[in-house]
Amino acid sequence: MRLSILDPLVLPKGGSSSHALRTAIAMAQAVETLGFTRYWIVEHHDVAFEANPAPEVFAAALANATSRIRIGVGGVLLNHYSPYKVAEAMRTLNALFPGRIDVGIGRATAGPVADRALQVLRGAAEPDDHGARVEELIGWLGNDLPESSPFRDIKIMNDEPAGPLPWILAASEESAARAGSLGLGLACSAFHKPEQAPHSAAGYKASFQPSRYAAGLQAPQSFLAVRIILGETQDEAERLAMPVRAVFRQRRKPERIMVPQLPSLDESIEIMGGMVRSDDTPWPMFIVGTLERVKATLARMTEETGITEFMIQDFLDDPALRLRNYEILARALVS
């Protein structure tokens, strides 16, 4: 089994954004020595307790501070940006750190105000052209846009090999099928709509075609992104999971409440209306428990999907605790 990290760059208690960035660099160095495969950083906007508004910039610092682990801009919210400008940034990273950069391609809302702030034409409705933007970006990553493209003659670092490796962030079978049909990697979310994950994995395999793009793949690659809260006891794990449960409970409300900081245990219990115990569903939104429980859940997911790489997100704000958990998981699972 391979393990990777999806880091939201949560500010440690009493720490600043610069502290969170330095902590992430140290964490990437530590998990590299533990044998982790990738260290991806997410793109979020207007989240007060996360230090990750520009992952394409911070990825350079992470890659420079490590030597083997793959660094991922995971992902680029392409609905907000020009594919050409994104490709320029990604090609630059690829030239600096050849063979070590991943780019995860997704789309998401940052909230109505932040979405508007990210727009160039703020009075105009955004077109629903995500599929076209994805193909345009992939074409520029290998400098092989189709002949029908009006940008066919524009090249980005044409003397460098194709890359970086593109992945589609997928929470649905439709997105997974797009990854397969384009011959791209599948970064399959098992925490947005976890019950969809096995269908997404199956749809990807069924639709996969060797990519016609130089930056794409000739054989399928995929991993499952999961939220894991590990504890030495079940009770510890359930207490540690309460703040992240509360954060996402608030974010999913119709009024989209963005808490100013990661809540304490007591605040989380108040938000959730009491302690929430881990569930026994085959595809939980949060995998919460002891090492034995986590191992059993991941093994069941692998058996159902055939996927043997898991990208872990935990949303803990204690770096020492996070590293303890990663060490435990690495000893038990990394092969």
C-alpha atoms as a PDB file:
ATOM      1  CA  MET A   1       0.000   0.000   0.000  1.00  0.00           C
ATOM      2  CA  ARG A   2       1.152   3.552  -0.732  1.00  0.00           C
ATOM      3  CA  LEU A   3       0.311   6.557   1.408  1.00  0.00           C
ATOM      4  CA  SER A   4       0.276  10.240   0.517  1.00  0.00           C
ATOM      5  CA  ILE A   5      -0.713  13.480   2.262  1.00  0.00           C
ATOM      6  CA  LEU A   6      -3.327  16.099   1.327  1.00  0.00           C
ATOM      7  CA  ASP A   7      -2.451  19.094   3.506  1.00  0.00           C
ATOM      8  CA  PRO A   8      -4.951  21.931   4.066  1.00  0.00           C
ATOM      9  CA  LEU A   9      -2.239  23.874   5.958  1.00  0.00           C
ATOM     10  CA  VAL A  10      -4.227  24.390   9.138  1.00  0.00           C
ATOM     11  CA  LEU A  11      -2.709  27.071  11.366  1.00  0.00           C
ATOM     12  CA  PRO A  12      -1.345  25.526  14.599  1.00  0.00           C
ATOM     13  CA  LYS A  13      -2.915  26.927  17.761  1.00  0.00           C
ATOM     14  CA  GLY A  14      -1.338  30.306  18.459  1.00  0.00           C
ATOM     15  CA  GLY A  15       0.537  30.178  15.162  1.00  0.00           C
ATOM     16  CA  SER A  16       0.553  32.408  12.108  1.00  0.00           C
ATOM     17  CA  SER A  17       0.251  31.678   8.396  1.00  0.00           C
ATOM     18  CA  SER A  18       4.023  31.809   8.012  1.00  0.00           C
ATOM     19  CA  HIS A  19       4.262  29.310  10.877  1.00  0.00           C
ATOM     20  CA  ALA A  20       1.832  26.999   9.067  1.00  0.00           C
ATOM     21  CA  LEU A  21       3.882  27.195   5.871  1.00  0.00           C
ATOM     22  CA  ARG A  22       7.129  26.381   7.689  1.00  0.00           C
ATOM     23  CA  THR A  23       5.363  23.540   9.513  1.00  0.00           C
ATOM     24  CA  ALA A  24       4.234  22.079   6.180  1.00  0.00           C
ATOM     25  CA  ILE A  25       7.787  22.164   4.822  1.00  0.00           C
ATOM     26  CA  ALA A  26       9.036  20.289   7.892  1.00  0.00           C
ATOM     27  CA  MET A  27       6.161  17.813   7.605  1.00  0.00           C
ATOM     28  CA  ALA A  28       6.903  17.134   3.926  1.00  0.00           C
ATOM     29  CA  GLN A  29      10.523  16.433   4.799  1.00  0.00           C
ATOM     30  CA  ALA A  30       9.467  14.093   7.617  1.00  0.00           C
ATOM     31  CA  VAL A  31       6.966  12.043   5.609  1.00  0.00           C
ATOM     32  CA  GLU A  32       9.432  11.768   2.739  1.00  0.00           C
ATOM     33  CA  THR A  33      11.749   9.854   5.079  1.00  0.00           C
ATOM     34  CA  LEU A  34       8.785   7.661   6.105  1.00  0.00           C
ATOM     35  CA  GLY A  35       8.260   6.546   2.513  1.00  0.00           C
ATOM     36  CA  PHE A  36       5.151   8.544   1.619  1.00  0.00           C
ATOM     37  CA  THR A  37       4.546   8.914  -2.123  1.00  0.00           C
ATOM     38  CA  ARG A  38       3.068  12.416  -2.535  1.00  0.00           C
ATOM     39  CA  TYR A  39       2.537  15.627  -0.595  1.00  0.00           C
ATOM     40  CA  TRP A  40      -0.308  17.639  -2.086  1.00  0.00           C
ATOM     41  CA  ILE A  41      -1.589  21.025  -0.978  1.00  0.00           C
ATOM     42  CA  VAL A  42      -5.154  22.142  -1.535  1.00  0.00           C
ATOM     43  CA  GLU A  43      -6.425  25.442  -2.901  1.00  0.00           C
ATOM     44  CA  HIS A  44      -8.934  27.160  -0.649  1.00  0.00           C
ATOM     45  CA  HIS A  45      -9.922  30.818  -0.484  1.00  0.00           C
ATOM     46  CA  ASP A  46     -11.254  32.916   2.383  1.00  0.00           C
ATOM     47  CA  VAL A  47     -10.617  30.250   5.031  1.00  0.00           C
ATOM     48  CA  ALA A  48      -9.203  32.069   8.040  1.00  0.00           C
ATOM     49  CA  PHE A  49      -7.437  29.110   9.661  1.00  0.00           C
ATOM     50  CA  GLU A  50      -5.790  27.751   6.491  1.00  0.00           C
ATOM     51  CA  ALA A  51      -2.640  29.123   4.843  1.00  0.00           C
ATOM     52  CA  ASN A  52      -3.089  27.858   1.299  1.00  0.00           C
ATOM     53  CA  PRO A  53      -4.444  30.505  -1.105  1.00  0.00           C
ATOM     54  CA  ALA A  54      -1.674  29.988  -3.693  1.00  0.00           C
ATOM     55  CA  PRO A  55      -0.554  26.332  -3.784  1.00  0.00           C
ATOM     56  CA  GLU A  56       1.181  26.817  -7.128  1.00  0.00           C
ATOM     57  CA  VAL A  57       3.604  29.198  -5.375  1.00  0.00           C
ATOM     58  CA  PHE A  58       4.122  27.160  -2.217  1.00  0.00           C
ATOM     59  CA  ALA A  59       4.710  23.969  -4.212  1.00  0.00           C
ATOM     60  CA  ALA A  60       8.074  25.367  -5.305  1.00  0.00           C
ATOM     61  CA  ALA A  61       9.179  25.790  -1.689  1.00  0.00           C
ATOM     62  CA  LEU A  62       8.059  22.252  -0.808  1.00  0.00           C
ATOM     63  CA  ALA A  63       9.808  20.693  -3.792  1.00  0.00           C
ATOM     64  CA  ASN A  64      12.991  22.643  -3.106  1.00  0.00           C
ATOM     65  CA  ALA A  65      13.058  21.430   0.509  1.00  0.00           C
ATOM     66  CA  THR A  66      12.601  17.744  -0.429  1.00  0.00           C
ATOM     67  CA  SER A  67      14.294  15.428  -2.896  1.00  0.00           C
ATOM     68  CA  ARG A  68      12.101  12.404  -3.748  1.00  0.00           C
ATOM     69  CA  ILE A  69       8.486  12.816  -2.677  1.00  0.00           C
ATOM     70  CA  ARG A  70       6.125  14.049  -5.400  1.00  0.00           C
ATOM     71  CA  ILE A  71       4.703  17.514  -4.732  1.00  0.00           C
ATOM     72  CA  GLY A  72       1.178  18.236  -5.901  1.00  0.00           C
ATOM     73  CA  VAL A  73      -0.801  21.382  -6.567  1.00  0.00           C
ATOM     74  CA  GLY A  74      -3.880  19.488  -5.578  1.00  0.00           C
ATOM     75  CA  GLY A  75      -5.662  21.170  -6.980  1.00  0.00           C
ATOM     76  CA  VAL A  76      -6.055  23.990  -9.377  1.00  0.00           C
ATOM     77  CA  LEU A  77      -9.635  25.276  -9.321  1.00  0.00           C
ATOM     78  CA  LEU A  78      -9.703  25.751 -13.066  1.00  0.00           C
ATOM     79  CA  ASN A  79     -13.140  27.369 -13.121  1.00  0.00           C
ATOM     80  CA  HIS A  80     -11.460  30.527 -11.771  1.00  0.00           C
ATOM     81  CA  TYR A  81      -8.446  30.744 -14.102  1.00  0.00           C
ATOM     82  CA  SER A  82      -7.062  30.927 -17.611  1.00  0.00           C
ATOM     83  CA  PRO A  83      -5.798  27.473 -18.630  1.00  0.00           C
ATOM     84  CA  TYR A  84      -2.880  29.155 -20.398  1.00  0.00           C
ATOM     85  CA  LYS A  85      -1.675  30.955 -17.270  1.00  0.00           C
ATOM     86  CA  VAL A  86      -2.110  27.808 -15.149  1.00  0.00           C
ATOM     87  CA  ALA A  87      -0.063  25.846 -17.698  1.00  0.00           C
ATOM     88  CA  GLU A  88       2.726  28.442 -17.579  1.00  0.00           C
ATOM     89  CA  ALA A  89       2.977  28.062 -13.791  1.00  0.00           C
ATOM     90  CA  MET A  90       2.846  24.256 -13.923  1.00  0.00           C
ATOM     91  CA  ARG A  91       5.384  24.004 -16.733  1.00  0.00           C
ATOM     92  CA  THR A  92       7.731  26.217 -14.729  1.00  0.00           C
ATOM     93  CA  LEU A  93       7.446  23.911 -11.721  1.00  0.00           C
ATOM     94  CA  ASN A  94       8.032  20.915 -13.977  1.00  0.00           C
ATOM     95  CA  ALA A  95      11.199  22.465 -15.414  1.00  0.00           C
ATOM     96  CA  LEU A  96      12.535  23.202 -11.935  1.00  0.00           C
ATOM     97  CA  PHE A  97      11.638  19.790 -10.477  1.00  0.00           C
ATOM     98  CA  PRO A  98      11.338  17.335 -13.390  1.00  0.00           C
ATOM     99  CA  GLY A  99       9.375  14.179 -12.684  1.00  0.00           C
ATOM    100  CA  ARG A 100       8.279  15.293  -9.207  1.00  0.00           C
ATOM    101  CA  ILE A 101       5.261  17.561  -9.785  1.00  0.00           C
ATOM    102  CA  ASP A 102       1.586  16.570  -9.918  1.00  0.00           C
ATOM    103  CA  VAL A 103      -1.221  18.915 -10.893  1.00  0.00           C
ATOM    104  CA  GLY A 104      -4.725  18.094  -9.684  1.00  0.00           C
ATOM    105  CA  ILE A 105      -7.445  19.729 -11.765  1.00  0.00           C
ATOM    106  CA  GLY A 106     -10.753  20.555 -10.155  1.00  0.00           C
ATOM    107  CA  ARG A 107     -13.488  23.105  -9.810  1.00  0.00           C
ATOM    108  CA  ALA A 108     -15.210  24.462  -6.728  1.00  0.00           C
ATOM    109  CA  THR A 109     -16.880  27.482  -5.255  1.00  0.00           C
ATOM    110  CA  ALA A 110     -15.006  29.560  -2.718  1.00  0.00           C
ATOM    111  CA  GLY A 111     -18.216  31.304  -1.682  1.00  0.00           C
ATOM    112  CA  PRO A 112     -20.092  34.089  -3.491  1.00  0.00           C
ATOM    113  CA  VAL A 113     -17.813  36.950  -2.430  1.00  0.00           C
ATOM    114  CA  ALA A 114     -14.517  35.131  -2.975  1.00  0.00           C
ATOM    115  CA  ASP A 115     -15.751  33.724  -6.300  1.00  0.00           C
ATOM    116  CA  ARG A 116     -16.520  37.239  -7.489  1.00  0.00           C
ATOM    117  CA  ALA A 117     -13.149  38.501  -6.293  1.00  0.00           C
ATOM    118  CA  LEU A 118     -11.441  35.798  -8.375  1.00  0.00           C
ATOM    119  CA  GLN A 119     -13.313  36.778 -11.540  1.00  0.00           C
ATOM    120  CA  VAL A 120     -11.883  39.093 -14.186  1.00  0.00           C
ATOM    121  CA  LEU A 121     -15.289  40.134 -15.545  1.00  0.00           C
ATOM    122  CA  ARG A 122     -17.139  40.586 -12.292  1.00  0.00           C
ATOM    123  CA  GLY A 123     -20.428  41.596 -13.793  1.00  0.00           C
ATOM    124  CA  ALA A 124     -20.655  38.624 -16.167  1.00  0.00           C
ATOM    125  CA  ALA A 125     -21.867  35.080 -15.549  1.00  0.00           C
ATOM    126  CA  GLU A 126     -19.126  32.451 -15.659  1.00  0.00           C
ATOM    127  CA  PRO A 127     -19.557  30.007 -18.564  1.00  0.00           C
ATOM    128  CA  ASP A 128     -19.890  26.301 -17.818  1.00  0.00           C
ATOM    129  CA  ASP A 129     -16.926  25.283 -19.958  1.00  0.00           C
ATOM    130  CA  HIS A 130     -14.904  23.196 -17.523  1.00  0.00           C
ATOM    131  CA  GLY A 131     -14.401  20.289 -19.922  1.00  0.00           C
ATOM    132  CA  ALA A 132     -12.968  22.580 -22.599  1.00  0.00           C
ATOM    133  CA  ARG A 133     -10.681  24.267 -20.060  1.00  0.00           C
ATOM    134  CA  VAL A 134      -9.344  20.899 -18.892  1.00  0.00           C
ATOM    135  CA  GLU A 135      -8.466  19.791 -22.426  1.00  0.00           C
ATOM    136  CA  GLU A 136      -6.866  23.151 -23.185  1.00  0.00           C
ATOM    137  CA  LEU A 137      -4.701  22.915 -20.071  1.00  0.00           C
ATOM    138  CA  ILE A 138      -3.621  19.342 -20.847  1.00  0.00           C
ATOM    139  CA  GLY A 139      -2.724  20.377 -24.392  1.00  0.00           C
ATOM    140  CA  TRP A 140      -0.442  23.115 -23.151  1.00  0.00           C
ATOM    141  CA  LEU A 141       1.236  20.828 -20.592  1.00  0.00           C
ATOM    142  CA  GLY A 142       2.590  18.833 -23.541  1.00  0.00           C
ATOM    143  CA  ASN A 143       2.582  21.606 -26.167  1.00  0.00           C
ATOM    144  CA  ASP A 144       0.282  19.497 -28.316  1.00  0.00           C
ATOM    145  CA  LEU A 145      -2.987  21.400 -28.584  1.00  0.00           C
ATOM    146  CA  PRO A 146      -5.172  20.043 -31.391  1.00  0.00           C
ATOM    147  CA  GLU A 147      -4.957  21.621 -34.827  1.00  0.00           C
ATOM    148  CA  SER A 148      -8.431  23.095 -34.338  1.00  0.00           C
ATOM    149  CA  SER A 149      -7.253  25.186 -31.367  1.00  0.00           C
ATOM    150  CA  PRO A 150      -6.802  28.929 -32.007  1.00  0.00           C
ATOM    151  CA  PHE A 151      -3.812  28.722 -29.646  1.00  0.00           C
ATOM    152  CA  ARG A 152      -2.049  25.921 -31.513  1.00  0.00           C
ATOM    153  CA  ASP A 153       1.034  28.029 -32.282  1.00  0.00           C
ATOM    154  CA  ILE A 154       1.623  29.113 -28.677  1.00  0.00           C
ATOM    155  CA  LYS A 155       4.217  26.994 -26.889  1.00  0.00           C
ATOM    156  CA  ILE A 156       5.326  26.970 -23.252  1.00  0.00           C
ATOM    157  CA  MET A 157       8.962  25.954 -22.678  1.00  0.00           C
ATOM    158  CA  ASN A 158       8.872  23.844 -25.823  1.00  0.00           C
ATOM    159  CA  ASP A 159      12.403  22.597 -25.156  1.00  0.00           C
ATOM    160  CA  GLU A 160      11.250  20.831 -21.949  1.00  0.00           C
ATOM    161  CA  PRO A 161       9.523  17.417 -21.829  1.00  0.00           C
ATOM    162  CA  ALA A 162       5.777  17.159 -21.342  1.00  0.00           C
ATOM    163  CA  GLY A 163       4.401  17.567 -17.848  1.00  0.00           C
ATOM    164  CA  PRO A 164       3.681  17.820 -15.049  1.00  0.00           C
ATOM    165  CA  LEU A 165       1.451  14.777 -14.577  1.00  0.00           C
ATOM    166  CA  PRO A 166      -2.218  15.860 -14.625  1.00  0.00           C
ATOM    167  CA  TRP A 167      -4.894  14.333 -12.388  1.00  0.00           C
ATOM    168  CA  ILE A 168      -8.633  14.927 -12.365  1.00  0.00           C
ATOM    169  CA  LEU A 169     -10.141  15.576  -8.933  1.00  0.00           C
ATOM    170  CA  ALA A 170     -13.312  13.495  -8.996  1.00  0.00           C
ATOM    171  CA  ALA A 171     -16.190  13.185  -6.546  1.00  0.00           C
ATOM    172  CA  SER A 172     -18.582  11.714  -9.115  1.00  0.00           C
ATOM    173  CA  GLU A 173     -18.644   9.021 -11.762  1.00  0.00           C
ATOM    174  CA  GLU A 174     -18.958  11.700 -14.463  1.00  0.00           C
ATOM    175  CA  SER A 175     -15.688  13.393 -13.479  1.00  0.00           C
ATOM    176  CA  ALA A 176     -13.958  10.028 -13.124  1.00  0.00           C
ATOM    177  CA  ALA A 177     -15.094   9.024 -16.612  1.00  0.00           C
ATOM    178  CA  ARG A 178     -13.646  12.289 -17.979  1.00  0.00           C
ATOM    179  CA  ALA A 179     -10.288  11.384 -16.418  1.00  0.00           C
ATOM    180  CA  GLY A 180     -10.443   7.952 -18.027  1.00  0.00           C
ATOM    181  CA  SER A 181     -11.477   9.124 -21.475  1.00  0.00           C
ATOM    182  CA  LEU A 182      -8.643  11.697 -21.538  1.00  0.00           C
ATOM    183  CA  GLY A 183      -6.081   9.234 -20.196  1.00  0.00           C
ATOM    184  CA  LEU A 184      -5.350  11.218 -17.026  1.00  0.00           C
ATOM    185  CA  GLY A 185      -4.790  10.197 -13.422  1.00  0.00           C
ATOM    186  CA  LEU A 186      -7.778   9.836 -11.098  1.00  0.00           C
ATOM    187  CA  ALA A 187      -7.676  11.578  -7.719  1.00  0.00           C
ATOM    188  CA  CYS A 188     -10.869  10.059  -6.355  1.00  0.00           C
ATOM    189  CA  SER A 189     -12.458  11.805  -3.388  1.00  0.00           C
ATOM    190  CA  ALA A 190     -13.808   9.404  -0.790  1.00  0.00           C
ATOM    191  CA  PHE A 191     -14.939  12.182   1.523  1.00  0.00           C
ATOM    192  CA  HIS A 192     -17.097  14.575  -0.497  1.00  0.00           C
ATOM    193  CA  LYS A 193     -19.659  11.934  -1.488  1.00  0.00           C
ATOM    194  CA  PRO A 194     -18.006   8.775  -0.184  1.00  0.00           C
ATOM    195  CA  GLU A 195     -20.757   6.447  -1.354  1.00  0.00           C
ATOM    196  CA  GLN A 196     -19.928   7.489  -4.936  1.00  0.00           C
ATOM    197  CA  ALA A 197     -16.250   6.546  -4.669  1.00  0.00           C
ATOM    198  CA  PRO A 198     -16.545   2.879  -5.727  1.00  0.00           C
ATOM    199  CA  HIS A 199     -18.705   3.871  -8.706  1.00  0.00           C
ATOM    200  CA  SER A 200     -16.181   6.555  -9.674  1.00  0.00           C
ATOM    201  CA  ALA A 201     -13.313   4.060  -9.476  1.00  0.00           C
ATOM    202  CA  ALA A 202     -15.210   1.560 -11.627  1.00  0.00           C
ATOM    203  CA  GLY A 203     -16.226   4.224 -14.141  1.00  0.00           C
ATOM    204  CA  TYR A 204     -12.621   5.349 -14.490  1.00  0.00           C
ATOM    205  CA  LYS A 205     -11.387   1.847 -15.230  1.00  0.00           C
ATOM    206  CA  ALA A 206     -14.164   1.204 -17.712  1.00  0.00           C
ATOM    207  CA  SER A 207     -13.613   4.456 -19.613  1.00  0.00           C
ATOM    208  CA  PHE A 208      -9.810   4.627 -19.565  1.00  0.00           C
ATOM    209  CA  GLN A 209      -8.093   5.143 -22.900  1.00  0.00           C
ATOM    210  CA  PRO A 210      -4.378   5.783 -23.435  1.00  0.00           C
ATOM    211  CA  SER A 211      -4.036   9.538 -23.689  1.00  0.00           C
ATOM    212  CA  ARG A 212      -3.572  11.268 -27.012  1.00  0.00           C
ATOM    213  CA  TYR A 213      -1.849  14.063 -25.084  1.00  0.00           C
ATOM    214  CA  ALA A 214       1.883  13.929 -24.372  1.00  0.00           C
ATOM    215  CA  ALA A 215       1.274  14.905 -20.728  1.00  0.00           C
ATOM    216  CA  GLY A 216      -1.255  12.100 -20.188  1.00  0.00           C
ATOM    217  CA  LEU A 217      -0.955   8.425 -19.301  1.00  0.00           C
ATOM    218  CA  GLN A 218      -0.785   5.207 -21.264  1.00  0.00           C
ATOM    219  CA  ALA A 219      -2.056   3.137 -18.333  1.00  0.00           C
ATOM    220  CA  PRO A 220      -4.473   4.097 -15.548  1.00  0.00           C
ATOM    221  CA  GLN A 221      -3.261   5.534 -12.237  1.00  0.00           C
ATOM    222  CA  SER A 222      -5.527   6.355  -9.316  1.00  0.00           C
ATOM    223  CA  PHE A 223      -5.666   7.000  -5.609  1.00  0.00           C
ATOM    224  CA  LEU A 224      -8.392   7.495  -3.021  1.00  0.00           C
ATOM    225  CA  ALA A 225      -8.404  10.677  -0.937  1.00  0.00           C
ATOM    226  CA  VAL A 226      -9.712   9.920   2.555  1.00  0.00           C
ATOM    227  CA  ARG A 227     -10.067  11.776   5.843  1.00  0.00           C
ATOM    228  CA  ILE A 228      -8.423   9.711   8.570  1.00  0.00           C
ATOM    229  CA  ILE A 229      -8.447  10.620  12.255  1.00  0.00           C
ATOM    230  CA  LEU A 230      -6.249   8.114  14.074  1.00  0.00           C
ATOM    231  CA  GLY A 231      -6.130   7.635  17.826  1.00  0.00           C
ATOM    232  CA  GLU A 232      -4.337   5.287  20.167  1.00  0.00           C
ATOM    233  CA  THR A 233      -7.819   4.471  21.481  1.00  0.00           C
ATOM    234  CA  GLN A 234     -11.224   4.755  19.837  1.00  0.00           C
ATOM    235  CA  ASP A 235     -12.217   7.412  22.346  1.00  0.00           C
ATOM    236  CA  GLU A 236      -9.164   9.547  21.544  1.00  0.00           C
ATOM    237  CA  ALA A 237      -9.844   9.305  17.813  1.00  0.00           C
ATOM    238  CA  GLU A 238     -13.473  10.323  18.226  1.00  0.00           C
ATOM    239  CA  ARG A 239     -12.523  13.347  20.311  1.00  0.00           C
ATOM    240  CA  LEU A 240      -9.869  14.394  17.773  1.00  0.00           C
ATOM    241  CA  ALA A 241     -12.429  14.099  14.957  1.00  0.00           C
ATOM    242  CA  MET A 242     -14.942  16.483  16.511  1.00  0.00           C
ATOM    243  CA  PRO A 243     -13.364  19.778  15.323  1.00  0.00           C
ATOM    244  CA  VAL A 244     -13.196  18.706  11.676  1.00  0.00           C
ATOM    245  CA  ARG A 245     -16.740  17.344  11.856  1.00  0.00           C
ATOM    246  CA  ALA A 246     -17.893  20.714  13.206  1.00  0.00           C
ATOM    247  CA  VAL A 247     -16.044  22.664  10.508  1.00  0.00           C
ATOM    248  CA  PHE A 248     -17.735  20.782   7.699  1.00  0.00           C
ATOM    249  CA  ARG A 249     -21.135  20.812   9.415  1.00  0.00           C
ATOM    250  CA  GLN A 250     -20.934  24.627   9.383  1.00  0.00           C
ATOM    251  CA  ARG A 251     -19.623  24.855   5.814  1.00  0.00           C
ATOM    252  CA  ARG A 252     -22.471  22.729   4.475  1.00  0.00           C
ATOM    253  CA  LYS A 253     -25.208  24.845   5.994  1.00  0.00           C
ATOM    254  CA  PRO A 254     -27.221  26.913   3.475  1.00  0.00           C
ATOM    255  CA  GLU A 255     -25.674  30.097   4.858  1.00  0.00           C
ATOM    256  CA  ARG A 256     -22.163  28.527   4.529  1.00  0.00           C
ATOM    257  CA  ILE A 257     -20.682  29.435   7.912  1.00  0.00           C
ATOM    258  CA  MET A 258     -16.882  29.746   7.735  1.00  0.00           C
ATOM    259  CA  VAL A 259     -15.551  29.497  11.284  1.00  0.00           C
ATOM    260  CA  PRO A 260     -12.646  31.862  12.096  1.00  0.00           C
ATOM    261  CA  GLN A 261     -10.529  29.104  13.637  1.00  0.00           C
ATOM    262  CA  LEU A 262     -10.570  25.383  14.179  1.00  0.00           C
ATOM    263  CA  PRO A 263     -13.038  24.942  17.067  1.00  0.00           C
ATOM    264  CA  SER A 264     -12.104  23.404  20.407  1.00  0.00           C
ATOM    265  CA  LEU A 265     -13.577  20.098  21.555  1.00  0.00           C
ATOM    266  CA  ASP A 266     -16.198  21.858  23.680  1.00  0.00           C
ATOM    267  CA  GLU A 267     -17.134  24.223  20.842  1.00  0.00           C
ATOM    268  CA  SER A 268     -17.352  21.278  18.458  1.00  0.00           C
ATOM    269  CA  ILE A 269     -19.651  19.349  20.775  1.00  0.00           C
ATOM    270  CA  GLU A 270     -21.917  22.392  20.976  1.00  0.00           C
ATOM    271  CA  ILE A 271     -21.997  22.785  17.177  1.00  0.00           C
ATOM    272  CA  MET A 272     -22.680  19.081  16.631  1.00  0.00           C
ATOM    273  CA  GLY A 273     -25.218  18.811  19.465  1.00  0.00           C
ATOM    274  CA  GLY A 274     -23.139  16.231  21.333  1.00  0.00           C
ATOM    275  CA  MET A 275     -20.354  13.762  20.667  1.00  0.00           C
ATOM    276  CA  VAL A 276     -20.528  12.008  17.306  1.00  0.00           C
ATOM    277  CA  ARG A 277     -19.405   8.415  17.233  1.00  0.00           C
ATOM    278  CA  SER A 278     -17.713   6.844  14.244  1.00  0.00           C
ATOM    279  CA  ASP A 279     -20.017   4.950  11.939  1.00  0.00           C
ATOM    280  CA  ASP A 280     -19.642   1.474  10.484  1.00  0.00           C
ATOM    281  CA  THR A 281     -20.738   2.248   6.934  1.00  0.00           C
ATOM    282  CA  PRO A 282     -18.471   0.784   4.231  1.00  0.00           C
ATOM    283  CA  TRP A 283     -17.635   4.271   2.909  1.00  0.00           C
ATOM    284  CA  PRO A 284     -17.640   6.757   5.818  1.00  0.00           C
ATOM    285  CA  MET A 285     -17.025  10.472   5.313  1.00  0.00           C
ATOM    286  CA  PHE A 286     -14.476  10.300   8.144  1.00  0.00           C
ATOM    287  CA  ILE A 287     -12.436   7.185   8.954  1.00  0.00           C
ATOM    288  CA  VAL A 288     -12.118   7.524  12.713  1.00  0.00           C
ATOM    289  CA  GLY A 289     -10.518   5.047  15.048  1.00  0.00           C
ATOM    290  CA  THR A 290      -7.577   2.967  16.128  1.00  0.00           C
ATOM    291  CA  LEU A 291      -4.945   1.639  13.737  1.00  0.00           C
ATOM    292  CA  GLU A 292      -6.753  -1.697  13.537  1.00  0.00           C
ATOM    293  CA  ARG A 293     -10.019  -0.021  12.587  1.00  0.00           C
ATOM    294  CA  VAL A 294      -8.347   2.236  10.008  1.00  0.00           C
ATOM    295  CA  LYS A 295      -6.451  -0.688   8.463  1.00  0.00           C
ATOM    296  CA  ALA A 296      -9.627  -2.728   8.160  1.00  0.00           C
ATOM    297  CA  THR A 297     -11.494   0.124   6.462  1.00  0.00           C
ATOM    298  CA  LEU A 298      -8.703   0.827   3.962  1.00  0.00           C
ATOM    299  CA  ALA A 299      -8.363  -2.883   3.176  1.00  0.00           C
ATOM    300  CA  ARG A 300     -12.096  -3.076   2.452  1.00  0.00           C
ATOM    301  CA  MET A 301     -11.842  -0.028   0.146  1.00  0.00           C
ATOM    302  CA  THR A 302      -8.908  -1.582  -1.711  1.00  0.00           C
ATOM    303  CA  GLU A 303     -10.773  -4.860  -2.126  1.00  0.00           C
ATOM    304  CA  GLU A 304     -13.784  -3.067  -3.583  1.00  0.00           C
ATOM    305  CA  THR A 305     -11.907  -0.723  -5.942  1.00  0.00           C
ATOM    306  CA  GLY A 306      -8.495  -2.262  -6.571  1.00  0.00           C
ATOM    307  CA  ILE A 307      -6.893   1.060  -5.574  1.00  0.00           C
ATOM    308  CA  THR A 308      -3.849   0.687  -3.338  1.00  0.00           C
ATOM    309  CA  GLU A 309      -2.805   4.319  -2.758  1.00  0.00           C
ATOM    310  CA  PHE A 310      -4.537   6.488  -0.169  1.00  0.00           C
ATOM    311  CA  MET A 311      -4.094  10.229   0.211  1.00  0.00           C
ATOM    312  CA  ILE A 312      -4.718  11.231   3.821  1.00  0.00           C
ATOM    313  CA  GLN A 313      -6.236  14.474   5.065  1.00  0.00           C
ATOM    314  CA  ASP A 314      -6.692  14.881   8.814  1.00  0.00           C
ATOM    315  CA  PHE A 315      -7.332  18.590   9.622  1.00  0.00           C
ATOM    316  CA  LEU A 316      -5.500  18.285  12.941  1.00  0.00           C
ATOM    317  CA  ASP A 317      -3.758  21.452  14.098  1.00  0.00           C
ATOM    318  CA  ASP A 318      -1.110  19.800  16.292  1.00  0.00           C
ATOM    319  CA  PRO A 319       1.978  19.020  14.147  1.00  0.00           C
ATOM    320  CA  ALA A 320       3.443  16.614  16.701  1.00  0.00           C
ATOM    321  CA  LEU A 321       0.205  14.629  16.818  1.00  0.00           C
ATOM    322  CA  ARG A 322      -0.050  14.555  13.037  1.00  0.00           C
ATOM    323  CA  LEU A 323       3.512  13.268  12.712  1.00  0.00           C
ATOM    324  CA  ARG A 324       2.872  10.613  15.363  1.00  0.00           C
ATOM    325  CA  ASN A 325      -0.089   9.364  13.356  1.00  0.00           C
ATOM    326  CA  TYR A 326       1.823   9.385  10.072  1.00  0.00           C
ATOM    327  CA  GLU A 327       4.635   7.377  11.667  1.00  0.00           C
ATOM    328  CA  ILE A 328       2.135   4.804  12.966  1.00  0.00           C
ATOM    329  CA  LEU A 329       0.453   4.513   9.569  1.00  0.00           C
ATOM    330  CA  ALA A 330       3.756   4.277   7.714  1.00  0.00           C
ATOM    331  CA  ARG A 331       5.050   1.456   9.917  1.00  0.00           C
ATOM    332  CA  ALA A 332       1.824  -0.483   9.472  1.00  0.00           C
ATOM    333  CA  LEU A 333       0.906   0.179   5.854  1.00  0.00           C
ATOM    334  CA  VAL A 334       3.661   1.543   3.610  1.00  0.00           C
ATOM    335  CA  SER A 335       5.135  -1.083   1.311  1.00  0.00           C
END
